[in-house]
C-alpha atoms as a PDB file:
ATOM      1  CA  UNK A   1      48.589  43.805  25.165  1.00  0.00           C
ATOM      2  CA  UNK A   2      45.245  42.522  23.809  1.00  0.00           C
ATOM      3  CA  UNK A   3      42.498  41.129  26.021  1.00  0.00           C
ATOM      4  CA  UNK A   4      39.249  39.539  24.773  1.00  0.00           C
ATOM      5  CA  UNK A   5      36.501  37.083  25.601  1.00  0.00           C
ATOM      6  CA  UNK A   6      37.538  33.582  24.478  1.00  0.00           C
ATOM      7  CA  UNK A   7      35.572  31.674  23.372  1.00  0.00           C
ATOM      8  CA  UNK A   8      32.783  34.079  22.373  1.00  0.00           C
ATOM      9  CA  UNK A   9      29.310  33.968  20.917  1.00  0.00           C
ATOM     10  CA  UNK A  10      27.762  36.881  19.008  1.00  0.00           C
ATOM     11  CA  UNK A  11      30.211  39.617  20.126  1.00  0.00           C
ATOM     12  CA  UNK A  12      33.596  39.941  21.694  1.00  0.00           C
ATOM     13  CA  UNK A  13      35.280  43.027  23.139  1.00  0.00           C
ATOM     14  CA  UNK A  14      38.941  43.436  22.177  1.00  0.00           C
ATOM     15  CA  UNK A  15      40.721  45.510  24.785  1.00  0.00           C
ATOM     16  CA  UNK A  16      44.211  46.824  24.252  1.00  0.00           C
ATOM     17  CA  UNK A  17      46.692  48.988  26.072  1.00  0.00           C
ATOM     18  CA  UNK A  18      49.096  51.381  24.468  1.00  0.00           C
ATOM     19  CA  UNK A  19      52.216  52.762  26.043  1.00  0.00           C
ATOM     20  CA  UNK A  20      52.267  55.898  23.747  1.00  0.00           C
ATOM     21  CA  UNK A  21      50.183  57.713  21.130  1.00  0.00           C
ATOM     22  CA  UNK A  22      49.914  55.806  17.826  1.00  0.00           C
ATOM     23  CA  UNK A  23      47.520  54.933  15.020  1.00  0.00           C
ATOM     24  CA  UNK A  24      45.945  51.480  15.495  1.00  0.00           C
ATOM     25  CA  UNK A  25      43.728  49.165  13.499  1.00  0.00           C
ATOM     26  CA  UNK A  26      42.444  45.778  14.538  1.00  0.00           C
ATOM     27  CA  UNK A  27      42.147  43.130  11.852  1.00  0.00           C
ATOM     28  CA  UNK A  28      40.370  39.815  12.065  1.00  0.00           C
ATOM     29  CA  UNK A  29      41.533  36.902   9.846  1.00  0.00           C
ATOM     30  CA  UNK A  30      40.170  33.472   9.269  1.00  0.00           C
ATOM     31  CA  UNK A  31      42.444  30.457   9.623  1.00  0.00           C
ATOM     32  CA  UNK A  32      43.411  30.496   5.968  1.00  0.00           C
ATOM     33  CA  UNK A  33      44.466  34.066   6.164  1.00  0.00           C
ATOM     34  CA  UNK A  34      41.545  35.865   4.538  1.00  0.00           C
ATOM     35  CA  UNK A  35      40.777  39.217   6.065  1.00  0.00           C
ATOM     36  CA  UNK A  36      37.233  39.010   7.622  1.00  0.00           C
ATOM     37  CA  UNK A  37      36.892  42.367   9.392  1.00  0.00           C
ATOM     38  CA  UNK A  38      38.952  45.493  10.145  1.00  0.00           C
ATOM     39  CA  UNK A  39      38.414  48.443  12.436  1.00  0.00           C
ATOM     40  CA  UNK A  40      39.152  51.906  11.134  1.00  0.00           C
ATOM     41  CA  UNK A  41      42.707  53.023  11.577  1.00  0.00           C
ATOM     42  CA  UNK A  42      42.357  55.478  14.487  1.00  0.00           C
ATOM     43  CA  UNK A  43      44.893  57.627  16.381  1.00  0.00           C
ATOM     44  CA  UNK A  44      44.939  56.801  20.120  1.00  0.00           C
ATOM     45  CA  UNK A  45      46.702  58.368  23.016  1.00  0.00           C
ATOM     46  CA  UNK A  46      48.513  56.194  25.502  1.00  0.00           C
ATOM     47  CA  UNK A  47      45.924  54.244  27.575  1.00  0.00           C
ATOM     48  CA  UNK A  48      43.505  51.305  27.508  1.00  0.00           C
ATOM     49  CA  UNK A  49      40.733  51.017  24.840  1.00  0.00           C
ATOM     50  CA  UNK A  50      38.199  48.506  23.632  1.00  0.00           C
ATOM     51  CA  UNK A  51      36.649  47.678  20.266  1.00  0.00           C
ATOM     52  CA  UNK A  52      33.680  45.366  19.801  1.00  0.00           C
ATOM     53  CA  UNK A  53      33.592  42.747  17.006  1.00  0.00           C
ATOM     54  CA  UNK A  54      30.094  41.499  16.459  1.00  0.00           C
ATOM     55  CA  UNK A  55      31.133  38.307  14.573  1.00  0.00           C
ATOM     56  CA  UNK A  56      30.151  39.692  11.175  1.00  0.00           C
ATOM     57  CA  UNK A  57      32.371  39.877   8.114  1.00  0.00           C
ATOM     58  CA  UNK A  58      32.598  42.782   5.591  1.00  0.00           C
ATOM     59  CA  UNK A  59      29.354  41.700   3.939  1.00  0.00           C
ATOM     60  CA  UNK A  60      27.524  41.893   7.337  1.00  0.00           C
ATOM     61  CA  UNK A  61      27.165  38.118   7.302  1.00  0.00           C
ATOM     62  CA  UNK A  62      27.735  36.080  10.435  1.00  0.00           C
ATOM     63  CA  UNK A  63      31.044  34.203  10.382  1.00  0.00           C
ATOM     64  CA  UNK A  64      31.083  30.499  11.040  1.00  0.00           C
ATOM     65  CA  UNK A  65      32.226  28.625  14.206  1.00  0.00           C
ATOM     66  CA  UNK A  66      36.036  28.599  13.974  1.00  0.00           C
ATOM     67  CA  UNK A  67      39.261  29.967  15.279  1.00  0.00           C
ATOM     68  CA  UNK A  68      40.059  33.554  14.127  1.00  0.00           C
ATOM     69  CA  UNK A  69      43.222  35.605  14.410  1.00  0.00           C
ATOM     70  CA  UNK A  70      42.965  39.065  15.977  1.00  0.00           C
ATOM     71  CA  UNK A  71      45.863  41.337  14.932  1.00  0.00           C
ATOM     72  CA  UNK A  72      46.443  44.707  16.426  1.00  0.00           C
ATOM     73  CA  UNK A  73      48.594  46.834  14.058  1.00  0.00           C
ATOM     74  CA  UNK A  74      50.278  50.122  14.699  1.00  0.00           C
ATOM     75  CA  UNK A  75      53.240  51.965  13.355  1.00  0.00           C
ATOM     76  CA  UNK A  76      55.526  50.490  16.091  1.00  0.00           C
ATOM     77  CA  UNK A  77      53.593  47.526  17.478  1.00  0.00           C
ATOM     78  CA  UNK A  78      51.980  44.364  16.072  1.00  0.00           C
ATOM     79  CA  UNK A  79      50.304  41.786  18.369  1.00  0.00           C
ATOM     80  CA  UNK A  80      48.479  38.669  17.236  1.00  0.00           C
ATOM     81  CA  UNK A  81      46.080  36.444  19.256  1.00  0.00           C
ATOM     82  CA  UNK A  82      43.672  33.644  18.461  1.00  0.00           C
ATOM     83  CA  UNK A  83      39.919  33.835  19.461  1.00  0.00           C
ATOM     84  CA  UNK A  84      37.378  31.102  19.149  1.00  0.00           C
ATOM     85  CA  UNK A  85      33.904  31.997  17.789  1.00  0.00           C
ATOM     86  CA  UNK A  86      31.211  29.481  18.768  1.00  0.00           C
ATOM     87  CA  UNK A  87      27.608  29.652  17.502  1.00  0.00           C
END
């Protein structure tokens, strides 16, 4: 499960709950499928966690107002949600 602020301005907190221990990374894509940002792949125990995305891309530049796709990826799970960034 992924929870997040929607729409958001400046930052959004992506919260996720895991039923078991696994490595997870969160990836943000723009609407044409380009990867904009990715969290480090980290090993998590079962539980609830949060990651903050500050609306910046890999070049530390602010992204534009648009819909973005948040994808939580693990060895066993993959969840995708849309989030709206508004300046």
